[in-house]
Every structure is written in structure tokens, then in C-alpha cells.
Protein backbone atom coordinates (compact mmCIF):
# COMPACT_ATOMS: atom_id res chain seq x y z
CA MET A 1 -9.07 72.23 55.78
CA ILE A 2 -7.14 69.11 56.77
CA THR A 3 -4.54 68.84 59.50
CA LEU A 4 -0.89 67.96 58.92
CA GLU A 5 -1.51 64.55 60.51
CA GLU A 6 -4.39 63.90 58.10
CA ALA A 7 -2.22 64.97 55.17
CA LEU A 8 0.50 62.55 56.24
CA ILE A 9 -2.03 59.74 56.54
CA MET A 10 -3.19 60.44 53.00
CA GLY A 11 0.32 60.97 51.63
CA THR A 12 1.55 59.39 48.42
CA ASN A 13 4.39 56.89 48.31
CA ALA A 14 4.95 55.88 44.71
CA PRO A 15 8.42 54.52 43.94
CA LYS A 16 8.40 51.89 41.21
CA PRO A 17 8.92 48.83 43.49
CA HIS A 18 6.02 50.04 45.65
CA GLN A 19 3.74 50.47 42.64
CA ARG A 20 4.75 47.07 41.23
CA ILE A 21 3.68 45.32 44.43
CA ILE A 22 0.37 47.21 44.48
CA THR A 23 -0.25 46.32 40.83
CA ASN A 24 0.67 42.66 41.24
CA LEU A 25 -1.31 42.15 44.43
CA THR A 26 -4.34 44.00 43.05
CA ALA A 27 -4.21 42.01 39.79
CA GLU A 28 -4.17 38.70 41.65
CA LEU A 29 -7.03 39.79 43.90
CA VAL A 30 -9.08 41.07 40.94
CA PHE A 31 -8.60 37.70 39.23
CA LEU A 32 -9.96 35.94 42.34
CA TYR A 33 -12.85 38.41 42.58
CA LYS A 34 -13.91 38.82 38.94
CA LYS A 35 -12.79 35.64 37.19
CA GLN A 36 -12.70 32.86 39.77
CA ARG A 37 -15.28 34.44 42.10
CA THR A 38 -13.54 32.89 45.10
CA ILE A 39 -13.51 36.11 47.11
CA THR A 40 -16.49 38.40 47.72
CA LEU A 41 -14.65 41.64 48.49
CA GLU A 42 -13.73 43.90 45.59
CA PRO A 43 -10.04 44.89 45.46
CA LEU A 44 -9.39 48.55 44.61
CA SER A 45 -6.07 50.36 44.64
CA GLU A 46 -5.51 53.93 45.81
CA THR A 47 -9.20 54.42 46.66
CA MET A 48 -10.61 56.84 49.22
CA LEU A 49 -12.23 55.27 52.26
CA ASN A 50 -15.06 57.81 52.20
CA GLU A 51 -16.06 59.18 48.81
CA ALA A 52 -18.26 61.87 50.38
CA GLN A 53 -15.32 63.77 51.87
CA THR A 54 -11.55 63.99 51.94
CA SER A 55 -10.40 60.75 53.53
CA PRO A 56 -7.39 58.44 53.77
CA THR A 57 -6.46 56.46 50.67
CA PRO A 58 -4.83 53.11 51.48
CA ASP A 59 -2.72 51.41 48.82
CA ILE A 60 -5.30 48.62 48.44
CA ILE A 61 -8.74 48.19 49.95
CA LEU A 62 -11.02 45.17 49.88
CA PHE A 63 -14.50 46.62 49.58
CA ASP A 64 -17.79 44.99 50.53
CA ASN A 65 -20.27 46.41 48.00
CA GLU A 66 -23.30 44.98 49.80
CA ALA A 67 -22.45 46.45 53.22
CA ASP A 68 -20.82 49.56 51.69
CA GLU A 69 -17.80 49.05 53.97
CA THR A 70 -14.09 48.44 53.68
CA PRO A 71 -13.28 45.52 56.00
CA VAL A 72 -9.64 45.20 54.83
CA ILE A 73 -6.87 47.66 54.00
CA ILE A 74 -3.36 46.91 52.77
CA GLU A 75 -0.38 49.23 52.84
CA ILE A 76 2.83 48.55 50.94
CA ASN A 77 6.11 50.05 52.09
CA HIS A 78 9.84 49.55 52.42
CA THR A 79 11.51 48.87 55.75
CA SER A 80 11.98 52.49 56.86
CA GLY A 81 8.28 53.30 56.39
CA VAL A 82 6.75 50.21 57.99
CA LYS A 83 6.40 51.65 61.50
CA SER A 84 4.49 54.70 60.29
CA ASP A 85 2.21 52.55 58.12
CA ILE A 86 1.49 50.20 61.04
CA LYS A 87 0.57 53.26 63.12
CA LYS A 88 -1.64 54.55 60.29
CA VAL A 89 -3.42 51.18 60.00
CA GLN A 90 -3.94 51.00 63.77
CA GLN A 91 -5.43 54.49 63.85
CA LEU A 92 -7.79 53.82 60.96
CA ILE A 93 -9.01 50.55 62.46
CA ASP A 94 -9.31 51.81 66.03
CA ALA A 95 -11.28 54.88 64.90
CA GLN A 96 -13.98 52.50 63.59
CA ASP A 97 -15.06 55.08 61.00
CA TYR A 98 -14.89 52.90 57.90
CA GLY A 99 -15.76 49.34 58.97
CA ILE A 100 -12.14 48.19 58.75
CA ARG A 101 -11.51 45.00 60.68
CA GLU A 102 -8.15 43.87 59.31
CA GLY A 103 -5.17 45.91 58.21
CA PHE A 104 -1.95 44.72 56.61
CA VAL A 105 1.43 46.30 56.00
CA TYR A 106 3.81 44.60 53.60
CA ASP A 107 7.56 45.40 53.76
CA TYR A 108 8.75 44.63 50.24
CA LYS A 109 12.44 44.94 51.09
CA ARG A 110 12.27 42.29 53.83
CA ASN A 111 9.34 40.35 52.39
CA GLU A 112 7.58 40.66 55.76
CA TRP A 113 3.89 41.03 56.52
CA HIS A 114 2.41 42.83 59.52
CA LYS A 115 -1.21 42.59 60.59
CA TYR A 116 -3.46 44.58 62.91
CA LYS A 117 -6.97 43.39 63.73
CA LEU A 118 -9.87 45.22 65.34
CA GLY A 119 -10.27 44.15 68.97
CA GLU A 120 -7.10 42.03 68.93
CA GLY A 121 -4.27 44.41 68.04
CA ILE A 122 -1.07 43.26 66.38
CA ILE A 123 -1.26 39.71 65.05
CA SER A 124 2.09 37.90 64.90
CA ASP A 125 0.83 34.41 64.05
CA LYS A 126 0.25 34.20 60.27
CA PRO A 127 0.40 37.99 59.74
CA SER A 128 -0.36 37.67 56.02
CA PHE A 129 -3.55 35.66 56.47
CA CYS A 130 -6.70 37.64 55.66
CA GLU A 131 -9.69 36.21 57.48
CA ALA A 132 -12.19 38.31 55.54
CA ILE A 133 -11.36 36.44 52.32
CA ASN A 134 -9.85 33.29 53.89
CA LEU A 135 -6.58 33.73 52.01
CA ASP A 136 -2.89 34.09 52.77
CA LEU A 137 -1.97 37.30 50.92
CA ALA A 138 1.70 36.27 50.80
CA THR A 139 0.78 33.50 48.34
CA LEU A 140 -0.22 36.15 45.79
CA LEU A 141 3.22 37.75 45.48
């Protein structure tokens, strides 16, 4: 049985603008991964962090198939949900259960990126830059 907090972490947020951003960002990342082969992490949307048990499901993960880890997660939200998503990203990274090193939250109403990094906390300088794939995620939207 899961706790209420775990259920909230895994909750679904699926309004059309939210899903459009997930689709567009995932499509661009898949193109870079499959066609151009310029990134080595596989982008997957709405995928469980641990397939062996009930686990959180970020909007987008960047998965390292060789290491069997998820070094990057991305959450998409509107302004009123950003704080809770930042908290969710912080908790997932700080728990160190899934190999996550970078977490992003994108506010599609304000067109603002937020970043949290393992060992460094909130990153305010270039918050859309993903070090794991050496790419500014904002350029994909």
C-alpha cells in the first residue's frame, strides 16, 4: 500500500497544454537520440522510475540504458503547480534511489525553467541547461 504523499508524487496532471509540452519536448529529444544520435540518454515520457515496483512517474525521463539509471527528470507544470513539482524533484534527487542527478521543472505559463542538481541544490544560472546531455532544453520548445 502506498502513502498519500507517494500517491501525490505519482499523481497525474494532464491538461492539454501540459501534454503538448511533454509531446513536443519528448519528440525533439527522441530526434536527437534516435536520428541525430547527438545525445546518449533515451527520452521517455510518463515512465516509472523503478519498473520492479510502484514508483514515481515523472513527465519525462532521460534514461541511461547502459547504467540502467535515470540521471535526468523533467516535470512540466503551470505556475500554481511549480512549487510542488520543485519539491517533488528535490525529494527524488536527494533520496538518491534512482540515480537522478539533474531535475527540471518547466512552467509553461511563464515560460520559466527551474533546475535542481544533486549536491548543489537549486541552480539559478542557466536553469534550462542539462549537463547530462550538454543541451539547453529551452531551445527545444
